[in-house]
Amino acid sequence: MSGETKSGREVISEFFAEILNVEGIDEKTVKKLISLHRENKLTDTNIQNSMEQLLQEELNNAEGKDG
């Protein structure tokens, strides 16, 4: 450890830079969260709306596969 104190913003940026390397994550969800972070739109409302959008896309895809 370098002993250097990082700002909250730096810690969050590092987190989003490394999260795709975590095993077992849902890549679409993480990419959406990274996108919101980059756009400075990482708010409760935007996260909820994005997750609902991803869920709806998955449901639509499942319907298409089922018939």
Protein backbone atom coordinates (compact mmCIF):
# COMPACT_ATOMS: atom_id res chain seq x y z
CA MET A 1 0.00 0.00 0.00
CA SER A 2 1.27 3.42 -0.84
CA GLY A 3 -0.30 5.17 2.16
CA GLU A 4 -1.71 7.78 -0.18
CA THR A 5 -5.23 8.85 0.65
CA LYS A 6 -7.59 8.62 -2.33
CA SER A 7 -10.71 10.63 -2.85
CA GLY A 8 -14.06 8.89 -2.99
CA ARG A 9 -14.21 9.68 -6.69
CA GLU A 10 -10.84 7.97 -7.26
CA VAL A 11 -11.92 4.88 -5.32
CA ILE A 12 -15.17 4.62 -7.30
CA SER A 13 -13.34 5.11 -10.61
CA GLU A 14 -10.92 2.32 -9.72
CA PHE A 15 -13.83 0.10 -8.74
CA PHE A 16 -15.53 0.59 -12.11
CA ALA A 17 -12.23 0.10 -13.94
CA GLU A 18 -11.77 -3.32 -12.34
CA ILE A 19 -15.31 -4.66 -11.94
CA LEU A 20 -15.42 -6.37 -15.34
CA ASN A 21 -12.56 -8.60 -14.14
CA VAL A 22 -14.72 -10.10 -11.38
CA GLU A 23 -15.83 -13.66 -12.04
CA GLY A 24 -19.54 -14.41 -12.26
CA ILE A 25 -20.83 -10.89 -12.87
CA ASP A 26 -23.61 -10.06 -15.29
CA GLU A 27 -21.71 -8.22 -18.01
CA LYS A 28 -24.71 -6.28 -19.37
CA THR A 29 -25.57 -4.97 -15.92
CA VAL A 30 -22.01 -3.93 -15.15
CA LYS A 31 -21.54 -2.26 -18.53
CA LYS A 32 -24.73 -0.27 -17.94
CA LEU A 33 -23.50 0.84 -14.51
CA ILE A 34 -20.10 1.78 -15.95
CA SER A 35 -21.83 3.81 -18.64
CA LEU A 36 -23.93 5.68 -16.09
CA HIS A 37 -20.80 6.37 -14.03
CA ARG A 38 -18.89 7.73 -17.05
CA GLU A 39 -21.82 9.99 -17.93
CA ASN A 40 -22.02 11.24 -14.31
CA LYS A 41 -25.57 9.87 -14.16
CA LEU A 42 -25.09 7.26 -11.45
CA THR A 43 -28.21 8.09 -9.42
CA ASP A 44 -30.78 5.86 -7.75
CA THR A 45 -33.39 6.77 -10.35
CA ASN A 46 -31.10 6.19 -13.34
CA ILE A 47 -29.87 2.88 -11.94
CA GLN A 48 -33.43 1.69 -11.33
CA ASN A 49 -34.56 2.78 -14.81
CA SER A 50 -31.56 1.10 -16.44
CA MET A 51 -32.09 -2.15 -14.56
CA GLU A 52 -35.78 -2.16 -15.50
CA GLN A 53 -34.79 -1.58 -19.12
CA LEU A 54 -32.33 -4.50 -19.03
CA LEU A 55 -34.95 -6.72 -17.41
CA GLN A 56 -37.49 -5.83 -20.08
CA GLU A 57 -34.94 -6.57 -22.82
CA GLU A 58 -34.24 -9.98 -21.27
CA LEU A 59 -37.97 -10.73 -20.97
CA ASN A 60 -38.49 -9.74 -24.61
CA ASN A 61 -35.59 -11.98 -25.65
CA ALA A 62 -37.03 -14.88 -23.65
CA GLU A 63 -40.42 -14.44 -25.29
CA GLY A 64 -38.83 -14.49 -28.72
CA LYS A 65 -37.04 -17.74 -27.95
CA ASP A 66 -40.12 -19.41 -26.51
CA GLY A 67 -42.20 -18.91 -29.54
